[in-house]
């Protein structure tokens, strides 16, 4: 997320790709989807968001505590991607 905020889109994507290879972290998928969306990479954002939803669902089913802010961000991303 830090690279995305520094407007280094290519390197932020490379970092997200590497992170996704190492771990199926739902928060990484969500942040990657947001970064892609804000850089007009809508189709790629949809793919990452689908990965987020699968990982997030799994996390919820395991009974993990979920930060309400994550739910709010995912709701906003879902709505944005439906446009």
C-alpha atoms as a PDB file:
ATOM      1  CA  UNK A   1       0.000   0.000   0.000  1.00  0.00           C
ATOM      2  CA  UNK A   2       2.895   2.356   0.718  1.00  0.00           C
ATOM      3  CA  UNK A   3       4.228   2.062  -2.838  1.00  0.00           C
ATOM      4  CA  UNK A   4       0.762   2.736  -4.216  1.00  0.00           C
ATOM      5  CA  UNK A   5       0.557   5.907  -2.139  1.00  0.00           C
ATOM      6  CA  UNK A   6       3.937   6.980  -3.485  1.00  0.00           C
ATOM      7  CA  UNK A   7       2.501   6.672  -6.975  1.00  0.00           C
ATOM      8  CA  UNK A   8       4.820   3.850  -7.953  1.00  0.00           C
ATOM      9  CA  UNK A   9       2.143   1.722  -9.574  1.00  0.00           C
ATOM     10  CA  UNK A  10       4.392  -0.785 -11.351  1.00  0.00           C
ATOM     11  CA  UNK A  11       6.449  -1.559  -8.259  1.00  0.00           C
ATOM     12  CA  UNK A  12       3.384  -1.694  -6.036  1.00  0.00           C
ATOM     13  CA  UNK A  13       1.834  -4.282  -8.379  1.00  0.00           C
ATOM     14  CA  UNK A  14       5.046  -6.301  -8.327  1.00  0.00           C
ATOM     15  CA  UNK A  15       5.091  -6.178  -4.529  1.00  0.00           C
ATOM     16  CA  UNK A  16       1.422  -7.224  -4.323  1.00  0.00           C
ATOM     17  CA  UNK A  17       2.030 -10.064  -6.784  1.00  0.00           C
ATOM     18  CA  UNK A  18       4.931 -11.343  -4.690  1.00  0.00           C
ATOM     19  CA  UNK A  19       2.933 -11.037  -1.485  1.00  0.00           C
ATOM     20  CA  UNK A  20       0.012 -12.929  -3.021  1.00  0.00           C
ATOM     21  CA  UNK A  21       2.389 -15.718  -4.074  1.00  0.00           C
ATOM     22  CA  UNK A  22       3.630 -16.067  -0.504  1.00  0.00           C
ATOM     23  CA  UNK A  23       0.308 -15.932   1.304  1.00  0.00           C
ATOM     24  CA  UNK A  24      -3.415 -15.884   0.633  1.00  0.00           C
ATOM     25  CA  UNK A  25      -4.048 -12.886   2.850  1.00  0.00           C
ATOM     26  CA  UNK A  26      -7.474 -11.368   2.275  1.00  0.00           C
ATOM     27  CA  UNK A  27      -6.289  -7.900   3.216  1.00  0.00           C
ATOM     28  CA  UNK A  28      -3.530  -8.008   0.591  1.00  0.00           C
ATOM     29  CA  UNK A  29      -6.081  -8.963  -2.068  1.00  0.00           C
ATOM     30  CA  UNK A  30      -8.369  -6.111  -0.997  1.00  0.00           C
ATOM     31  CA  UNK A  31      -5.587  -3.526  -0.984  1.00  0.00           C
ATOM     32  CA  UNK A  32      -4.369  -4.767  -4.360  1.00  0.00           C
ATOM     33  CA  UNK A  33      -7.888  -4.491  -5.788  1.00  0.00           C
ATOM     34  CA  UNK A  34      -8.180  -0.935  -4.482  1.00  0.00           C
ATOM     35  CA  UNK A  35      -4.793   0.006  -5.953  1.00  0.00           C
ATOM     36  CA  UNK A  36      -5.726  -1.466  -9.322  1.00  0.00           C
ATOM     37  CA  UNK A  37      -9.114   0.252  -9.304  1.00  0.00           C
ATOM     38  CA  UNK A  38      -7.640   3.660  -8.487  1.00  0.00           C
ATOM     39  CA  UNK A  39      -5.269   3.211 -11.431  1.00  0.00           C
ATOM     40  CA  UNK A  40      -8.093   2.371 -13.864  1.00  0.00           C
ATOM     41  CA  UNK A  41      -7.210  -1.332 -14.034  1.00  0.00           C
ATOM     42  CA  UNK A  42     -10.836  -2.346 -13.477  1.00  0.00           C
ATOM     43  CA  UNK A  43     -10.724  -5.904 -14.833  1.00  0.00           C
ATOM     44  CA  UNK A  44      -7.591  -6.715 -12.861  1.00  0.00           C
ATOM     45  CA  UNK A  45      -9.227  -5.150  -9.805  1.00  0.00           C
ATOM     46  CA  UNK A  46     -12.241  -7.421 -10.242  1.00  0.00           C
ATOM     47  CA  UNK A  47      -9.987 -10.491 -10.335  1.00  0.00           C
ATOM     48  CA  UNK A  48      -8.155  -9.481  -7.172  1.00  0.00           C
ATOM     49  CA  UNK A  49     -11.413  -8.600  -5.462  1.00  0.00           C
ATOM     50  CA  UNK A  50     -12.787 -12.063  -6.281  1.00  0.00           C
ATOM     51  CA  UNK A  51      -9.704 -13.546  -4.608  1.00  0.00           C
ATOM     52  CA  UNK A  52     -10.326 -11.249  -1.641  1.00  0.00           C
ATOM     53  CA  UNK A  53     -13.922 -12.415  -1.317  1.00  0.00           C
ATOM     54  CA  UNK A  54     -12.926 -16.088  -1.364  1.00  0.00           C
ATOM     55  CA  UNK A  55     -10.179 -15.600   1.236  1.00  0.00           C
ATOM     56  CA  UNK A  56     -12.387 -13.337   3.344  1.00  0.00           C
ATOM     57  CA  UNK A  57     -15.220 -15.870   3.310  1.00  0.00           C
ATOM     58  CA  UNK A  58     -12.825 -18.578   4.449  1.00  0.00           C
ATOM     59  CA  UNK A  59     -11.565 -16.344   7.265  1.00  0.00           C
ATOM     60  CA  UNK A  60     -15.110 -15.626   8.441  1.00  0.00           C
ATOM     61  CA  UNK A  61     -16.034 -19.307   8.336  1.00  0.00           C
ATOM     62  CA  UNK A  62     -13.074 -20.042  10.587  1.00  0.00           C
ATOM     63  CA  UNK A  63     -14.544 -17.634  13.129  1.00  0.00           C
ATOM     64  CA  UNK A  64     -11.753 -15.085  12.995  1.00  0.00           C
ATOM     65  CA  UNK A  65     -12.381 -11.586  14.282  1.00  0.00           C
ATOM     66  CA  UNK A  66     -13.014  -9.222  11.389  1.00  0.00           C
ATOM     67  CA  UNK A  67     -12.297  -5.512  11.553  1.00  0.00           C
ATOM     68  CA  UNK A  68     -15.473  -3.553  10.680  1.00  0.00           C
ATOM     69  CA  UNK A  69     -13.337  -1.177   8.590  1.00  0.00           C
ATOM     70  CA  UNK A  70     -12.427  -4.090   6.292  1.00  0.00           C
ATOM     71  CA  UNK A  71     -16.113  -4.847   5.840  1.00  0.00           C
ATOM     72  CA  UNK A  72     -16.804  -1.189   5.042  1.00  0.00           C
ATOM     73  CA  UNK A  73     -13.930  -0.998   2.527  1.00  0.00           C
ATOM     74  CA  UNK A  74     -14.998  -4.221   0.849  1.00  0.00           C
ATOM     75  CA  UNK A  75     -18.572  -2.976   0.565  1.00  0.00           C
ATOM     76  CA  UNK A  76     -17.355   0.207  -1.118  1.00  0.00           C
ATOM     77  CA  UNK A  77     -15.095  -1.735  -3.476  1.00  0.00           C
ATOM     78  CA  UNK A  78     -17.906  -4.144  -4.362  1.00  0.00           C
ATOM     79  CA  UNK A  79     -20.200  -1.229  -5.198  1.00  0.00           C
ATOM     80  CA  UNK A  80     -17.521   0.530  -7.240  1.00  0.00           C
ATOM     81  CA  UNK A  81     -16.781  -2.582  -9.287  1.00  0.00           C
ATOM     82  CA  UNK A  82     -20.451  -3.059 -10.155  1.00  0.00           C
ATOM     83  CA  UNK A  83     -20.546   0.284 -11.989  1.00  0.00           C
END
